[in-house]
N, C-alpha and C. Protein backbone atom coordinates (compact mmCIF):
# COMPACT_ATOMS: atom_id res chain seq x y z
N MET A 1 0.86 -1.19 0.00
CA MET A 1 0.00 0.00 0.00
C MET A 1 0.88 1.23 0.00
N THR A 2 0.55 2.18 -0.84
CA THR A 2 1.30 3.43 -0.86
C THR A 2 0.46 4.53 -0.25
N THR A 3 1.12 5.59 0.17
CA THR A 3 0.43 6.67 0.85
C THR A 3 0.69 7.98 0.15
N ASP A 4 -0.38 8.76 -0.07
CA ASP A 4 -0.24 10.10 -0.61
C ASP A 4 -0.33 11.08 0.56
N ASP A 5 0.80 11.60 1.02
CA ASP A 5 0.83 12.45 2.19
C ASP A 5 0.36 13.86 1.89
N THR A 6 0.11 14.20 0.62
CA THR A 6 -0.33 15.55 0.27
C THR A 6 -1.84 15.66 0.22
N ARG A 7 -2.57 14.59 0.50
CA ARG A 7 -4.02 14.63 0.44
C ARG A 7 -4.56 15.65 1.45
N THR A 8 -5.72 16.17 1.20
CA THR A 8 -6.32 17.09 2.15
C THR A 8 -6.90 16.30 3.30
N ALA A 9 -6.77 16.84 4.51
CA ALA A 9 -7.23 16.12 5.69
C ALA A 9 -8.74 15.94 5.71
N SER A 10 -9.48 16.91 5.16
CA SER A 10 -10.94 16.88 5.30
C SER A 10 -11.55 15.64 4.65
N ALA A 11 -11.13 15.30 3.43
CA ALA A 11 -11.70 14.14 2.76
C ALA A 11 -11.33 12.86 3.49
N GLN A 12 -10.07 12.73 3.87
CA GLN A 12 -9.66 11.52 4.58
C GLN A 12 -10.38 11.41 5.92
N GLU A 13 -10.44 12.49 6.66
CA GLU A 13 -11.09 12.46 7.96
C GLU A 13 -12.57 12.13 7.83
N PHE A 14 -13.24 12.71 6.83
CA PHE A 14 -14.65 12.42 6.63
C PHE A 14 -14.87 10.92 6.42
N TRP A 15 -14.11 10.33 5.49
CA TRP A 15 -14.34 8.92 5.16
C TRP A 15 -13.79 7.98 6.22
N ASP A 16 -12.68 8.33 6.85
CA ASP A 16 -12.21 7.49 7.96
C ASP A 16 -13.26 7.43 9.06
N THR A 17 -13.86 8.57 9.38
CA THR A 17 -14.90 8.61 10.40
C THR A 17 -16.11 7.79 9.98
N ARG A 18 -16.49 7.92 8.69
CA ARG A 18 -17.65 7.16 8.19
C ARG A 18 -17.40 5.66 8.30
N TYR A 19 -16.23 5.21 7.86
CA TYR A 19 -15.96 3.77 7.90
C TYR A 19 -15.77 3.25 9.32
N ALA A 20 -15.33 4.10 10.22
CA ALA A 20 -15.11 3.68 11.60
C ALA A 20 -16.41 3.51 12.38
N THR A 21 -17.54 3.92 11.80
CA THR A 21 -18.81 3.84 12.52
C THR A 21 -19.33 2.40 12.63
N ALA A 22 -18.83 1.50 11.77
CA ALA A 22 -19.32 0.12 11.78
C ALA A 22 -18.24 -0.81 11.26
N HIS A 23 -18.38 -2.08 11.59
CA HIS A 23 -17.42 -3.08 11.10
C HIS A 23 -17.47 -3.17 9.59
N ARG A 24 -18.64 -2.99 9.00
CA ARG A 24 -18.81 -2.98 7.54
C ARG A 24 -19.99 -2.08 7.22
N ILE A 25 -19.79 -1.14 6.30
CA ILE A 25 -20.90 -0.24 5.97
C ILE A 25 -21.53 -0.57 4.62
N TRP A 26 -20.86 -1.38 3.79
CA TRP A 26 -21.44 -1.81 2.52
C TRP A 26 -21.76 -3.30 2.58
N SER A 27 -22.41 -3.81 1.56
CA SER A 27 -22.92 -5.19 1.59
C SER A 27 -21.83 -6.24 1.52
N GLY A 28 -20.68 -5.89 0.94
CA GLY A 28 -19.65 -6.89 0.69
C GLY A 28 -19.78 -7.54 -0.68
N ASN A 29 -20.84 -7.20 -1.41
CA ASN A 29 -21.05 -7.73 -2.75
C ASN A 29 -20.55 -6.73 -3.79
N PRO A 30 -20.06 -7.20 -4.94
CA PRO A 30 -19.64 -6.27 -5.99
C PRO A 30 -20.83 -5.53 -6.55
N ASN A 31 -20.59 -4.33 -7.06
CA ASN A 31 -21.67 -3.57 -7.69
C ASN A 31 -22.21 -4.33 -8.90
N ALA A 32 -23.54 -4.37 -9.00
CA ALA A 32 -24.17 -5.14 -10.07
C ALA A 32 -23.75 -4.64 -11.45
N ALA A 33 -23.60 -3.32 -11.60
CA ALA A 33 -23.21 -2.79 -12.90
C ALA A 33 -21.81 -3.23 -13.29
N LEU A 34 -20.92 -3.31 -12.31
CA LEU A 34 -19.56 -3.79 -12.60
C LEU A 34 -19.61 -5.22 -13.13
N VAL A 35 -20.34 -6.08 -12.45
CA VAL A 35 -20.45 -7.48 -12.87
C VAL A 35 -21.07 -7.56 -14.25
N ARG A 36 -22.14 -6.82 -14.45
CA ARG A 36 -22.86 -6.87 -15.73
C ARG A 36 -22.00 -6.40 -16.90
N GLU A 37 -21.28 -5.31 -16.71
CA GLU A 37 -20.57 -4.69 -17.83
C GLU A 37 -19.18 -5.25 -18.07
N THR A 38 -18.60 -5.97 -17.11
CA THR A 38 -17.24 -6.48 -17.30
C THR A 38 -17.19 -7.99 -17.51
N THR A 39 -18.28 -8.68 -17.23
CA THR A 39 -18.30 -10.11 -17.50
C THR A 39 -18.10 -10.33 -19.00
N GLY A 40 -17.14 -11.14 -19.35
CA GLY A 40 -16.82 -11.38 -20.76
C GLY A 40 -15.61 -10.63 -21.25
N LEU A 41 -15.17 -9.59 -20.51
CA LEU A 41 -13.94 -8.90 -20.88
C LEU A 41 -12.74 -9.78 -20.55
N THR A 42 -11.71 -9.66 -21.35
CA THR A 42 -10.47 -10.40 -21.08
C THR A 42 -9.75 -9.74 -19.90
N PRO A 43 -9.49 -10.48 -18.83
CA PRO A 43 -8.83 -9.86 -17.68
C PRO A 43 -7.45 -9.32 -18.03
N GLY A 44 -7.15 -8.17 -17.46
CA GLY A 44 -5.84 -7.54 -17.62
C GLY A 44 -5.57 -6.71 -16.39
N ARG A 45 -5.20 -5.44 -16.59
CA ARG A 45 -4.96 -4.53 -15.47
C ARG A 45 -6.19 -3.66 -15.26
N ALA A 46 -6.65 -3.60 -14.02
CA ALA A 46 -7.85 -2.82 -13.69
C ALA A 46 -7.53 -1.78 -12.64
N LEU A 47 -8.20 -0.66 -12.72
CA LEU A 47 -8.11 0.41 -11.73
C LEU A 47 -9.50 0.63 -11.14
N ASP A 48 -9.61 0.50 -9.82
CA ASP A 48 -10.87 0.68 -9.11
C ASP A 48 -10.77 1.96 -8.29
N LEU A 49 -11.49 2.99 -8.72
CA LEU A 49 -11.44 4.30 -8.07
C LEU A 49 -12.50 4.40 -6.98
N GLY A 50 -12.10 4.79 -5.79
CA GLY A 50 -13.04 4.84 -4.67
C GLY A 50 -13.46 3.45 -4.26
N CYS A 51 -12.48 2.60 -3.97
CA CYS A 51 -12.74 1.17 -3.80
C CYS A 51 -13.45 0.82 -2.50
N GLY A 52 -13.46 1.74 -1.53
CA GLY A 52 -14.15 1.46 -0.28
C GLY A 52 -13.63 0.22 0.41
N GLU A 53 -14.54 -0.66 0.81
CA GLU A 53 -14.16 -1.87 1.54
C GLU A 53 -13.69 -3.00 0.63
N GLY A 54 -13.60 -2.74 -0.68
CA GLY A 54 -12.90 -3.64 -1.57
C GLY A 54 -13.71 -4.72 -2.27
N ALA A 55 -15.03 -4.68 -2.20
CA ALA A 55 -15.82 -5.75 -2.81
C ALA A 55 -15.60 -5.85 -4.31
N ASP A 56 -15.58 -4.71 -5.01
CA ASP A 56 -15.36 -4.74 -6.46
C ASP A 56 -13.96 -5.24 -6.80
N ALA A 57 -12.97 -4.74 -6.08
CA ALA A 57 -11.59 -5.15 -6.35
C ALA A 57 -11.39 -6.64 -6.12
N VAL A 58 -11.98 -7.16 -5.05
CA VAL A 58 -11.87 -8.59 -4.77
C VAL A 58 -12.56 -9.40 -5.86
N TRP A 59 -13.74 -8.95 -6.30
CA TRP A 59 -14.44 -9.68 -7.35
C TRP A 59 -13.62 -9.69 -8.64
N LEU A 60 -13.07 -8.53 -9.01
CA LEU A 60 -12.24 -8.47 -10.22
C LEU A 60 -11.04 -9.39 -10.12
N ALA A 61 -10.39 -9.38 -8.97
CA ALA A 61 -9.23 -10.26 -8.78
C ALA A 61 -9.62 -11.73 -8.92
N ARG A 62 -10.79 -12.07 -8.43
CA ARG A 62 -11.26 -13.45 -8.55
C ARG A 62 -11.50 -13.84 -10.01
N GLN A 63 -11.77 -12.84 -10.85
CA GLN A 63 -11.96 -13.10 -12.29
C GLN A 63 -10.64 -13.14 -13.04
N GLY A 64 -9.53 -12.86 -12.35
CA GLY A 64 -8.21 -12.91 -12.98
C GLY A 64 -7.59 -11.58 -13.27
N TRP A 65 -8.24 -10.47 -12.89
CA TRP A 65 -7.66 -9.15 -13.10
C TRP A 65 -6.58 -8.87 -12.06
N ARG A 66 -5.57 -8.10 -12.46
CA ARG A 66 -4.63 -7.51 -11.51
C ARG A 66 -5.12 -6.09 -11.25
N VAL A 67 -5.41 -5.80 -10.00
CA VAL A 67 -6.18 -4.61 -9.66
C VAL A 67 -5.36 -3.61 -8.86
N THR A 68 -5.42 -2.36 -9.26
CA THR A 68 -4.99 -1.25 -8.42
C THR A 68 -6.25 -0.63 -7.84
N ALA A 69 -6.38 -0.66 -6.52
CA ALA A 69 -7.59 -0.20 -5.86
C ALA A 69 -7.26 1.01 -5.00
N VAL A 70 -8.02 2.08 -5.20
CA VAL A 70 -7.68 3.39 -4.63
C VAL A 70 -8.81 3.91 -3.75
N ASP A 71 -8.45 4.44 -2.61
CA ASP A 71 -9.42 5.14 -1.78
C ASP A 71 -8.68 6.18 -0.95
N VAL A 72 -9.41 7.19 -0.45
CA VAL A 72 -8.82 8.21 0.41
C VAL A 72 -8.76 7.75 1.86
N SER A 73 -9.56 6.74 2.22
CA SER A 73 -9.67 6.32 3.62
C SER A 73 -8.71 5.18 3.95
N ALA A 74 -7.83 5.41 4.91
CA ALA A 74 -6.94 4.35 5.38
C ALA A 74 -7.74 3.26 6.08
N VAL A 75 -8.81 3.62 6.75
CA VAL A 75 -9.65 2.63 7.43
C VAL A 75 -10.25 1.68 6.41
N ALA A 76 -10.80 2.23 5.33
CA ALA A 76 -11.40 1.39 4.29
C ALA A 76 -10.37 0.50 3.63
N LEU A 77 -9.20 1.04 3.34
CA LEU A 77 -8.16 0.26 2.65
C LEU A 77 -7.66 -0.88 3.51
N ASP A 78 -7.45 -0.65 4.79
CA ASP A 78 -7.02 -1.73 5.68
C ASP A 78 -8.08 -2.82 5.74
N ARG A 79 -9.33 -2.43 5.81
CA ARG A 79 -10.42 -3.40 5.85
C ARG A 79 -10.48 -4.17 4.53
N ALA A 80 -10.34 -3.46 3.41
CA ALA A 80 -10.38 -4.09 2.09
C ALA A 80 -9.25 -5.09 1.92
N ALA A 81 -8.06 -4.73 2.37
CA ALA A 81 -6.92 -5.64 2.26
C ALA A 81 -7.18 -6.92 3.04
N GLY A 82 -7.83 -6.80 4.18
CA GLY A 82 -8.19 -7.99 4.95
C GLY A 82 -9.18 -8.87 4.21
N HIS A 83 -10.17 -8.27 3.56
CA HIS A 83 -11.14 -9.04 2.78
C HIS A 83 -10.45 -9.75 1.61
N ALA A 84 -9.51 -9.07 0.95
CA ALA A 84 -8.79 -9.70 -0.16
C ALA A 84 -7.96 -10.88 0.32
N ALA A 85 -7.30 -10.72 1.44
CA ALA A 85 -6.51 -11.82 1.99
C ALA A 85 -7.40 -13.01 2.33
N ASP A 86 -8.55 -12.72 2.94
CA ASP A 86 -9.48 -13.80 3.29
C ASP A 86 -9.98 -14.52 2.05
N ALA A 87 -10.10 -13.78 0.93
CA ALA A 87 -10.59 -14.37 -0.32
C ALA A 87 -9.48 -15.06 -1.12
N GLY A 88 -8.25 -14.95 -0.64
CA GLY A 88 -7.14 -15.60 -1.31
C GLY A 88 -6.63 -14.87 -2.53
N VAL A 89 -6.93 -13.57 -2.64
CA VAL A 89 -6.50 -12.80 -3.81
C VAL A 89 -5.67 -11.58 -3.41
N GLY A 90 -5.12 -11.60 -2.21
CA GLY A 90 -4.37 -10.44 -1.74
C GLY A 90 -3.20 -10.07 -2.62
N ASP A 91 -2.60 -11.07 -3.28
CA ASP A 91 -1.44 -10.79 -4.13
C ASP A 91 -1.82 -10.20 -5.48
N LEU A 92 -3.12 -10.13 -5.78
CA LEU A 92 -3.56 -9.59 -7.07
C LEU A 92 -4.05 -8.15 -6.96
N VAL A 93 -4.06 -7.59 -5.75
CA VAL A 93 -4.58 -6.23 -5.55
C VAL A 93 -3.52 -5.35 -4.90
N ASP A 94 -3.27 -4.21 -5.52
CA ASP A 94 -2.37 -3.19 -4.97
C ASP A 94 -3.25 -2.09 -4.40
N TRP A 95 -3.29 -1.97 -3.07
CA TRP A 95 -4.13 -0.98 -2.40
C TRP A 95 -3.35 0.32 -2.26
N GLN A 96 -3.89 1.40 -2.79
CA GLN A 96 -3.21 2.69 -2.76
C GLN A 96 -4.13 3.75 -2.16
N ARG A 97 -3.55 4.58 -1.28
CA ARG A 97 -4.32 5.67 -0.70
C ARG A 97 -4.01 6.95 -1.46
N HIS A 98 -5.07 7.54 -2.02
CA HIS A 98 -4.96 8.80 -2.76
C HIS A 98 -6.16 9.66 -2.44
N ASP A 99 -5.95 10.94 -2.28
CA ASP A 99 -7.03 11.92 -2.41
C ASP A 99 -7.03 12.28 -3.88
N LEU A 100 -8.05 11.87 -4.61
CA LEU A 100 -8.05 12.03 -6.06
C LEU A 100 -8.13 13.48 -6.51
N SER A 101 -8.41 14.38 -5.58
CA SER A 101 -8.34 15.80 -5.92
C SER A 101 -6.91 16.30 -5.95
N VAL A 102 -5.98 15.48 -5.45
CA VAL A 102 -4.57 15.88 -5.34
C VAL A 102 -3.67 14.99 -6.19
N SER A 103 -3.90 13.70 -6.19
CA SER A 103 -3.02 12.78 -6.90
C SER A 103 -3.83 11.66 -7.53
N PHE A 104 -3.20 10.98 -8.49
CA PHE A 104 -3.87 9.92 -9.24
C PHE A 104 -2.87 8.79 -9.44
N PRO A 105 -3.30 7.54 -9.36
CA PRO A 105 -2.36 6.42 -9.52
C PRO A 105 -1.71 6.41 -10.89
N ALA A 106 -0.46 6.02 -10.91
CA ALA A 106 0.29 5.98 -12.16
C ALA A 106 -0.05 4.72 -12.96
N GLY A 107 0.20 4.79 -14.27
CA GLY A 107 0.05 3.63 -15.11
C GLY A 107 -1.13 3.73 -16.05
N SER A 108 -1.24 2.73 -16.94
CA SER A 108 -2.39 2.62 -17.84
C SER A 108 -3.07 1.28 -17.58
N PHE A 109 -4.38 1.22 -17.88
CA PHE A 109 -5.18 0.09 -17.44
C PHE A 109 -6.15 -0.33 -18.54
N ASP A 110 -6.43 -1.63 -18.56
CA ASP A 110 -7.38 -2.18 -19.52
C ASP A 110 -8.83 -1.92 -19.10
N LEU A 111 -9.02 -1.67 -17.82
CA LEU A 111 -10.33 -1.32 -17.28
C LEU A 111 -10.14 -0.27 -16.20
N VAL A 112 -10.87 0.82 -16.30
CA VAL A 112 -10.92 1.81 -15.22
C VAL A 112 -12.38 1.91 -14.79
N SER A 113 -12.62 1.64 -13.52
CA SER A 113 -13.98 1.60 -12.99
C SER A 113 -14.17 2.69 -11.94
N ALA A 114 -15.18 3.52 -12.15
CA ALA A 114 -15.56 4.55 -11.18
C ALA A 114 -17.02 4.29 -10.81
N GLN A 115 -17.22 3.64 -9.68
CA GLN A 115 -18.55 3.24 -9.24
C GLN A 115 -19.05 4.21 -8.16
N PHE A 116 -20.10 4.95 -8.50
CA PHE A 116 -20.74 5.85 -7.53
C PHE A 116 -19.72 6.77 -6.87
N LEU A 117 -18.96 7.45 -7.71
CA LEU A 117 -17.91 8.34 -7.24
C LEU A 117 -18.53 9.69 -6.87
N HIS A 118 -19.35 9.66 -5.82
CA HIS A 118 -19.98 10.85 -5.27
C HIS A 118 -19.46 11.01 -3.84
N SER A 119 -19.23 12.24 -3.42
CA SER A 119 -18.70 12.43 -2.07
C SER A 119 -19.15 13.77 -1.50
N PRO A 120 -19.64 13.77 -0.23
CA PRO A 120 -19.92 15.04 0.44
C PRO A 120 -18.65 15.82 0.72
N ALA A 121 -17.51 15.11 0.86
CA ALA A 121 -16.22 15.78 1.02
C ALA A 121 -15.75 16.28 -0.34
N ASP A 122 -14.77 17.14 -0.33
CA ASP A 122 -14.29 17.78 -1.55
C ASP A 122 -13.83 16.74 -2.57
N LEU A 123 -14.44 16.74 -3.76
CA LEU A 123 -14.06 15.82 -4.82
C LEU A 123 -14.40 16.45 -6.16
N PRO A 124 -13.39 16.87 -6.94
CA PRO A 124 -13.65 17.42 -8.27
C PRO A 124 -13.92 16.29 -9.26
N ARG A 125 -15.16 15.82 -9.29
CA ARG A 125 -15.51 14.59 -10.01
C ARG A 125 -15.17 14.66 -11.49
N GLU A 126 -15.47 15.77 -12.14
CA GLU A 126 -15.18 15.86 -13.57
C GLU A 126 -13.68 15.77 -13.83
N GLN A 127 -12.88 16.42 -13.01
CA GLN A 127 -11.42 16.35 -13.15
C GLN A 127 -10.93 14.92 -12.94
N VAL A 128 -11.47 14.24 -11.95
CA VAL A 128 -11.06 12.86 -11.67
C VAL A 128 -11.43 11.95 -12.83
N LEU A 129 -12.63 12.12 -13.38
CA LEU A 129 -13.04 11.25 -14.48
C LEU A 129 -12.25 11.53 -15.75
N ARG A 130 -11.82 12.77 -15.96
CA ARG A 130 -10.94 13.02 -17.11
C ARG A 130 -9.60 12.32 -16.92
N ALA A 131 -9.07 12.33 -15.70
CA ALA A 131 -7.83 11.59 -15.43
C ALA A 131 -8.06 10.09 -15.60
N ALA A 132 -9.24 9.62 -15.22
CA ALA A 132 -9.57 8.21 -15.40
C ALA A 132 -9.54 7.82 -16.87
N ALA A 133 -10.12 8.67 -17.72
CA ALA A 133 -10.12 8.39 -19.15
C ALA A 133 -8.70 8.35 -19.71
N GLU A 134 -7.86 9.26 -19.26
CA GLU A 134 -6.48 9.29 -19.73
C GLU A 134 -5.72 8.03 -19.32
N ALA A 135 -6.16 7.38 -18.25
CA ALA A 135 -5.47 6.19 -17.75
C ALA A 135 -5.88 4.91 -18.48
N VAL A 136 -6.88 5.00 -19.36
CA VAL A 136 -7.33 3.81 -20.09
C VAL A 136 -6.38 3.52 -21.24
N ALA A 137 -5.90 2.30 -21.31
CA ALA A 137 -5.00 1.88 -22.38
C ALA A 137 -5.77 1.75 -23.69
N PRO A 138 -5.12 1.89 -24.84
CA PRO A 138 -5.80 1.65 -26.12
C PRO A 138 -6.48 0.28 -26.13
N GLY A 139 -7.73 0.26 -26.54
CA GLY A 139 -8.51 -0.97 -26.52
C GLY A 139 -9.20 -1.23 -25.20
N GLY A 140 -8.89 -0.42 -24.18
CA GLY A 140 -9.45 -0.62 -22.85
C GLY A 140 -10.78 0.07 -22.67
N VAL A 141 -11.35 -0.12 -21.48
CA VAL A 141 -12.72 0.31 -21.19
C VAL A 141 -12.74 1.23 -19.97
N LEU A 142 -13.54 2.29 -20.07
CA LEU A 142 -13.86 3.15 -18.94
C LEU A 142 -15.31 2.90 -18.55
N LEU A 143 -15.53 2.57 -17.29
CA LEU A 143 -16.87 2.29 -16.78
C LEU A 143 -17.20 3.30 -15.68
N VAL A 144 -18.22 4.11 -15.91
CA VAL A 144 -18.64 5.13 -14.94
C VAL A 144 -20.09 4.85 -14.56
N VAL A 145 -20.30 4.56 -13.29
CA VAL A 145 -21.63 4.28 -12.77
C VAL A 145 -21.96 5.32 -11.71
N GLY A 146 -23.14 5.92 -11.80
CA GLY A 146 -23.50 6.96 -10.85
C GLY A 146 -24.96 6.94 -10.48
N HIS A 147 -25.29 7.67 -9.44
CA HIS A 147 -26.68 7.86 -9.08
C HIS A 147 -27.31 8.89 -10.02
N ALA A 148 -28.50 8.58 -10.50
CA ALA A 148 -29.22 9.50 -11.37
C ALA A 148 -30.35 10.20 -10.62
N GLY A 149 -30.61 9.78 -9.41
CA GLY A 149 -31.65 10.39 -8.59
C GLY A 149 -31.55 9.90 -7.17
N PRO A 150 -32.27 10.51 -6.26
CA PRO A 150 -32.21 10.12 -4.85
C PRO A 150 -32.98 8.83 -4.60
N PRO A 151 -32.72 8.16 -3.49
CA PRO A 151 -33.53 6.98 -3.14
C PRO A 151 -34.96 7.39 -2.81
N SER A 152 -35.88 6.50 -3.05
CA SER A 152 -37.30 6.83 -2.91
C SER A 152 -37.66 7.19 -1.47
N TRP A 153 -36.92 6.68 -0.51
CA TRP A 153 -37.25 6.97 0.89
C TRP A 153 -36.64 8.29 1.39
N ASP A 154 -35.81 8.92 0.56
CA ASP A 154 -35.18 10.19 0.96
C ASP A 154 -35.01 11.06 -0.28
N PRO A 155 -36.09 11.67 -0.76
CA PRO A 155 -36.05 12.37 -2.04
C PRO A 155 -35.11 13.56 -2.09
N GLU A 156 -34.65 14.07 -0.96
CA GLU A 156 -33.72 15.20 -0.96
C GLU A 156 -32.26 14.74 -0.95
N HIS A 157 -32.04 13.46 -0.74
CA HIS A 157 -30.68 12.94 -0.61
C HIS A 157 -29.89 13.10 -1.90
N HIS A 158 -28.61 13.44 -1.79
CA HIS A 158 -27.66 13.57 -2.91
C HIS A 158 -27.87 14.81 -3.76
N HIS A 159 -28.91 15.60 -3.54
CA HIS A 159 -29.15 16.74 -4.42
C HIS A 159 -27.96 17.69 -4.46
N ALA A 160 -27.29 17.88 -3.33
CA ALA A 160 -26.18 18.84 -3.28
C ALA A 160 -24.95 18.32 -4.01
N LEU A 161 -24.91 17.01 -4.31
CA LEU A 161 -23.71 16.43 -4.90
C LEU A 161 -23.68 16.60 -6.41
N GLY A 162 -24.82 16.82 -7.03
CA GLY A 162 -24.88 16.86 -8.48
C GLY A 162 -24.98 15.44 -9.02
N LEU A 163 -25.99 15.20 -9.83
CA LEU A 163 -26.24 13.85 -10.36
C LEU A 163 -26.34 13.95 -11.87
N PRO A 164 -25.21 13.98 -12.57
CA PRO A 164 -25.23 14.19 -14.02
C PRO A 164 -25.78 12.99 -14.77
N THR A 165 -26.37 13.27 -15.93
CA THR A 165 -26.78 12.22 -16.85
C THR A 165 -25.54 11.64 -17.52
N THR A 166 -25.72 10.53 -18.22
CA THR A 166 -24.60 9.95 -18.95
C THR A 166 -24.12 10.89 -20.06
N ASP A 167 -25.05 11.59 -20.70
CA ASP A 167 -24.65 12.56 -21.73
C ASP A 167 -23.81 13.68 -21.12
N GLU A 168 -24.18 14.13 -19.92
CA GLU A 168 -23.41 15.17 -19.25
C GLU A 168 -22.04 14.66 -18.84
N VAL A 169 -21.97 13.42 -18.37
CA VAL A 169 -20.67 12.84 -18.02
C VAL A 169 -19.79 12.75 -19.27
N LEU A 170 -20.37 12.26 -20.37
CA LEU A 170 -19.61 12.13 -21.61
C LEU A 170 -19.08 13.48 -22.07
N ALA A 171 -19.90 14.51 -22.03
CA ALA A 171 -19.47 15.84 -22.45
C ALA A 171 -18.36 16.37 -21.55
N SER A 172 -18.47 16.10 -20.25
CA SER A 172 -17.47 16.62 -19.30
C SER A 172 -16.11 15.96 -19.47
N LEU A 173 -16.08 14.78 -20.08
CA LEU A 173 -14.80 14.09 -20.27
C LEU A 173 -13.93 14.77 -21.33
N GLU A 174 -14.55 15.52 -22.23
CA GLU A 174 -13.82 16.26 -23.26
C GLU A 174 -12.90 15.34 -24.06
N LEU A 175 -13.45 14.22 -24.52
CA LEU A 175 -12.66 13.22 -25.22
C LEU A 175 -12.37 13.66 -26.65
N PRO A 176 -11.19 13.34 -27.16
CA PRO A 176 -10.87 13.70 -28.54
C PRO A 176 -11.73 12.92 -29.52
N SER A 177 -12.22 13.59 -30.52
CA SER A 177 -13.09 12.98 -31.52
C SER A 177 -12.38 11.85 -32.25
N GLY A 178 -13.10 10.74 -32.44
CA GLY A 178 -12.57 9.63 -33.21
C GLY A 178 -11.69 8.68 -32.45
N HIS A 179 -11.53 8.89 -31.14
CA HIS A 179 -10.64 8.03 -30.35
C HIS A 179 -11.37 7.12 -29.38
N TRP A 180 -12.70 7.32 -29.26
CA TRP A 180 -13.49 6.55 -28.30
C TRP A 180 -14.81 6.13 -28.95
N GLU A 181 -15.37 5.02 -28.45
CA GLU A 181 -16.72 4.64 -28.85
C GLU A 181 -17.56 4.38 -27.60
N VAL A 182 -18.83 4.74 -27.68
CA VAL A 182 -19.76 4.53 -26.58
C VAL A 182 -20.36 3.13 -26.72
N LEU A 183 -20.14 2.29 -25.72
CA LEU A 183 -20.68 0.94 -25.73
C LEU A 183 -22.03 0.87 -25.02
N VAL A 184 -22.16 1.61 -23.92
CA VAL A 184 -23.38 1.61 -23.13
C VAL A 184 -23.61 3.02 -22.60
N SER A 185 -24.84 3.51 -22.71
CA SER A 185 -25.24 4.77 -22.08
C SER A 185 -26.70 4.61 -21.70
N THR A 186 -26.95 4.36 -20.42
CA THR A 186 -28.30 3.99 -20.01
C THR A 186 -28.61 4.44 -18.60
N GLU A 187 -29.89 4.65 -18.35
CA GLU A 187 -30.40 4.95 -17.01
C GLU A 187 -31.42 3.88 -16.65
N TYR A 188 -31.45 3.48 -15.40
CA TYR A 188 -32.33 2.37 -15.01
C TYR A 188 -32.72 2.52 -13.55
N GLU A 189 -33.73 1.79 -13.15
CA GLU A 189 -34.22 1.84 -11.78
C GLU A 189 -33.71 0.63 -11.01
N GLN A 190 -33.10 0.90 -9.87
CA GLN A 190 -32.61 -0.16 -9.00
C GLN A 190 -33.64 -0.44 -7.91
N GLN A 191 -33.85 -1.72 -7.64
CA GLN A 191 -34.69 -2.13 -6.53
C GLN A 191 -33.81 -2.28 -5.29
N LEU A 192 -34.16 -1.57 -4.23
CA LEU A 192 -33.35 -1.54 -3.02
C LEU A 192 -34.21 -1.77 -1.79
N THR A 193 -33.53 -2.02 -0.68
CA THR A 193 -34.19 -2.09 0.61
C THR A 193 -33.82 -0.85 1.40
N GLY A 194 -34.82 -0.11 1.86
CA GLY A 194 -34.57 1.12 2.60
C GLY A 194 -34.08 0.86 4.01
N PRO A 195 -33.66 1.91 4.70
CA PRO A 195 -33.14 1.77 6.06
C PRO A 195 -34.14 1.14 7.03
N ASP A 196 -35.43 1.30 6.75
CA ASP A 196 -36.45 0.73 7.64
C ASP A 196 -36.83 -0.69 7.24
N GLY A 197 -36.10 -1.26 6.25
CA GLY A 197 -36.37 -2.62 5.81
C GLY A 197 -37.43 -2.75 4.74
N ARG A 198 -38.06 -1.65 4.35
CA ARG A 198 -39.08 -1.69 3.32
C ARG A 198 -38.45 -1.58 1.93
N PRO A 199 -39.10 -2.14 0.91
CA PRO A 199 -38.57 -2.03 -0.45
C PRO A 199 -38.60 -0.60 -0.95
N GLY A 200 -37.61 -0.24 -1.74
CA GLY A 200 -37.54 1.09 -2.33
C GLY A 200 -36.85 1.02 -3.67
N THR A 201 -36.65 2.17 -4.29
CA THR A 201 -36.02 2.24 -5.60
C THR A 201 -35.06 3.42 -5.65
N ARG A 202 -34.21 3.42 -6.67
CA ARG A 202 -33.33 4.55 -6.95
C ARG A 202 -32.95 4.48 -8.43
N ARG A 203 -32.85 5.64 -9.07
CA ARG A 203 -32.40 5.71 -10.45
C ARG A 203 -30.88 5.81 -10.48
N ASP A 204 -30.26 4.94 -11.26
CA ASP A 204 -28.82 4.97 -11.47
C ASP A 204 -28.55 5.05 -12.97
N ASN A 205 -27.31 5.35 -13.35
CA ASN A 205 -26.96 5.33 -14.76
C ASN A 205 -25.57 4.76 -14.97
N THR A 206 -25.33 4.28 -16.16
CA THR A 206 -24.08 3.62 -16.52
C THR A 206 -23.60 4.11 -17.87
N LEU A 207 -22.33 4.46 -17.91
CA LEU A 207 -21.66 4.85 -19.16
C LEU A 207 -20.45 3.96 -19.34
N VAL A 208 -20.38 3.29 -20.47
CA VAL A 208 -19.24 2.44 -20.80
C VAL A 208 -18.63 2.92 -22.10
N LEU A 209 -17.37 3.25 -22.07
CA LEU A 209 -16.64 3.75 -23.24
C LEU A 209 -15.45 2.85 -23.52
N ARG A 210 -15.16 2.65 -24.78
CA ARG A 210 -13.96 1.91 -25.16
C ARG A 210 -13.02 2.85 -25.90
N ARG A 211 -11.76 2.85 -25.46
CA ARG A 211 -10.74 3.64 -26.17
C ARG A 211 -10.28 2.85 -27.38
N LEU A 212 -10.40 3.43 -28.54
CA LEU A 212 -10.07 2.72 -29.76
C LEU A 212 -8.56 2.43 -29.83
N PRO A 213 -8.20 1.27 -30.36
CA PRO A 213 -6.77 0.97 -30.51
C PRO A 213 -6.07 2.02 -31.34
N ALA A 214 -4.84 2.29 -31.02
CA ALA A 214 -4.08 3.32 -31.73
C ALA A 214 -3.84 2.90 -33.18
């Protein structure tokens, strides 16, 4: 694990505090969109941005990917590394701590995944996603999954974060003409369980781009 000592304290402190509130705050299952959109891809080098407790990174490693998994929270990364070790894939994941508003992992990747990269702490999302696109190797895939609306049980939730459409995300990437193709651009309704245990829904969206071979 590497450490970015130039990160801003506010983002790290926010997420360290959030992850410290419980032994596990996410389900431990990989994001459905990641599984759906990457099944069938030839495993290579993957970059998981905002990896949290590591469920996506562990799933990718189990499929044969070599994964660089990034988060601002040391608490989350330590927990994720433990999950990878328990799953027997610890040697396939490089856990790196970055505040993505300050630094970005080096290298190029066959898959760059940004799953629900929304944060109440400071995060220049458009800047980060442009860096993500630059990190995709020729022939590789950029997968951006985001919330398109608030959960049904909390209609005001996420409004302050900005919830761009896939067309808005694509425009913000400022990709050079003729170098990328859009594989998937869709919005859909997710069936979820609310905090009170009752069924609910939320609108999410998925953008999948392939960088054309040079």
